[in-house]
Amino acid sequence: MDGRQKGGFRPVHLLLIVPFVGCLWVPFYNRALPALAGIPFFYWYQILWVALTALILFIVYVAEGRE
């Protein structure tokens, strides 16, 4: 063994809560304006979270590899 503990909580895991809050807080983005290139806010906000969630997962993955 290399001495690293498997499992357990690490502070970087708190980043995984961010996409849930951003996507599940519907009253925040339940509107049409501002539109972006003709796409209502309701849709492009959710599409933006797809990319942000992938970025957050990558950050957590890299941080897990270093610890």
C-alpha atoms as a PDB file:
ATOM      1  CA  MET A   1       0.000   0.000   0.000  1.00  0.00           C
ATOM      2  CA  ASP A   2       1.078   3.544  -0.604  1.00  0.00           C
ATOM      3  CA  GLY A   3      -0.310   4.836   2.708  1.00  0.00           C
ATOM      4  CA  ARG A   4      -3.206   6.782   1.207  1.00  0.00           C
ATOM      5  CA  GLN A   5      -6.599   6.382   2.778  1.00  0.00           C
ATOM      6  CA  LYS A   6      -9.336   5.107   0.465  1.00  0.00           C
ATOM      7  CA  GLY A   7     -12.677   6.876   0.611  1.00  0.00           C
ATOM      8  CA  GLY A   8     -13.477   9.447   3.241  1.00  0.00           C
ATOM      9  CA  PHE A   9     -14.392  13.100   3.022  1.00  0.00           C
ATOM     10  CA  ARG A  10     -12.159  15.732   1.480  1.00  0.00           C
ATOM     11  CA  PRO A  11     -12.987  19.462   1.250  1.00  0.00           C
ATOM     12  CA  VAL A  12     -12.789  19.338  -2.553  1.00  0.00           C
ATOM     13  CA  HIS A  13     -15.900  17.141  -2.478  1.00  0.00           C
ATOM     14  CA  LEU A  14     -17.919  20.216  -1.481  1.00  0.00           C
ATOM     15  CA  LEU A  15     -17.550  21.421  -5.080  1.00  0.00           C
ATOM     16  CA  LEU A  16     -19.875  18.608  -6.120  1.00  0.00           C
ATOM     17  CA  ILE A  17     -22.745  20.357  -4.328  1.00  0.00           C
ATOM     18  CA  VAL A  18     -22.506  23.429  -6.567  1.00  0.00           C
ATOM     19  CA  PRO A  19     -24.191  21.896  -9.666  1.00  0.00           C
ATOM     20  CA  PHE A  20     -27.067  20.586  -7.560  1.00  0.00           C
ATOM     21  CA  VAL A  21     -27.748  24.002  -6.080  1.00  0.00           C
ATOM     22  CA  GLY A  22     -27.421  25.685  -9.466  1.00  0.00           C
ATOM     23  CA  CYS A  23     -29.800  23.318 -11.234  1.00  0.00           C
ATOM     24  CA  LEU A  24     -32.297  22.461  -8.522  1.00  0.00           C
ATOM     25  CA  TRP A  25     -33.025  26.056  -7.486  1.00  0.00           C
ATOM     26  CA  VAL A  26     -35.637  26.437 -10.244  1.00  0.00           C
ATOM     27  CA  PRO A  27     -37.164  29.785  -9.163  1.00  0.00           C
ATOM     28  CA  PHE A  28     -33.807  31.407  -9.967  1.00  0.00           C
ATOM     29  CA  TYR A  29     -33.835  30.496 -13.657  1.00  0.00           C
ATOM     30  CA  ASN A  30     -37.559  30.083 -14.372  1.00  0.00           C
ATOM     31  CA  ARG A  31     -37.763  33.032 -16.771  1.00  0.00           C
ATOM     32  CA  ALA A  32     -37.265  33.839 -20.445  1.00  0.00           C
ATOM     33  CA  LEU A  33     -35.049  36.911 -20.206  1.00  0.00           C
ATOM     34  CA  PRO A  34     -32.209  37.591 -20.735  1.00  0.00           C
ATOM     35  CA  ALA A  35     -32.106  35.739 -24.017  1.00  0.00           C
ATOM     36  CA  LEU A  36     -28.762  34.726 -25.515  1.00  0.00           C
ATOM     37  CA  ALA A  37     -28.724  34.518 -29.320  1.00  0.00           C
ATOM     38  CA  GLY A  38     -32.494  34.106 -29.266  1.00  0.00           C
ATOM     39  CA  ILE A  39     -32.377  31.248 -26.727  1.00  0.00           C
ATOM     40  CA  PRO A  40     -34.395  31.944 -23.562  1.00  0.00           C
ATOM     41  CA  PHE A  41     -32.521  32.124 -20.271  1.00  0.00           C
ATOM     42  CA  PHE A  42     -34.276  28.987 -18.992  1.00  0.00           C
ATOM     43  CA  TYR A  43     -32.587  26.844 -21.663  1.00  0.00           C
ATOM     44  CA  TRP A  44     -29.129  28.365 -21.978  1.00  0.00           C
ATOM     45  CA  TYR A  45     -28.705  28.436 -18.191  1.00  0.00           C
ATOM     46  CA  GLN A  46     -29.224  24.667 -18.040  1.00  0.00           C
ATOM     47  CA  ILE A  47     -26.919  24.095 -21.014  1.00  0.00           C
ATOM     48  CA  LEU A  48     -24.271  26.212 -19.291  1.00  0.00           C
ATOM     49  CA  TRP A  49     -24.498  23.953 -16.232  1.00  0.00           C
ATOM     50  CA  VAL A  50     -23.683  20.908 -18.359  1.00  0.00           C
ATOM     51  CA  ALA A  51     -20.300  22.436 -19.200  1.00  0.00           C
ATOM     52  CA  LEU A  52     -19.754  23.783 -15.670  1.00  0.00           C
ATOM     53  CA  THR A  53     -20.544  20.402 -14.130  1.00  0.00           C
ATOM     54  CA  ALA A  54     -18.029  18.709 -16.418  1.00  0.00           C
ATOM     55  CA  LEU A  55     -15.411  21.279 -15.383  1.00  0.00           C
ATOM     56  CA  ILE A  56     -16.172  20.795 -11.683  1.00  0.00           C
ATOM     57  CA  LEU A  57     -15.970  17.014 -12.023  1.00  0.00           C
ATOM     58  CA  PHE A  58     -12.596  17.378 -13.758  1.00  0.00           C
ATOM     59  CA  ILE A  59     -11.299  19.602 -10.955  1.00  0.00           C
ATOM     60  CA  VAL A  60     -12.395  17.088  -8.314  1.00  0.00           C
ATOM     61  CA  TYR A  61     -10.898  14.216 -10.316  1.00  0.00           C
ATOM     62  CA  VAL A  62      -7.527  15.955 -10.605  1.00  0.00           C
ATOM     63  CA  ALA A  63      -7.563  16.886  -6.917  1.00  0.00           C
ATOM     64  CA  GLU A  64      -8.341  13.274  -5.978  1.00  0.00           C
ATOM     65  CA  GLY A  65      -5.378  12.088  -8.005  1.00  0.00           C
ATOM     66  CA  ARG A  66      -3.007  14.399  -6.170  1.00  0.00           C
ATOM     67  CA  GLU A  67      -4.103  13.421  -2.671  1.00  0.00           C
END
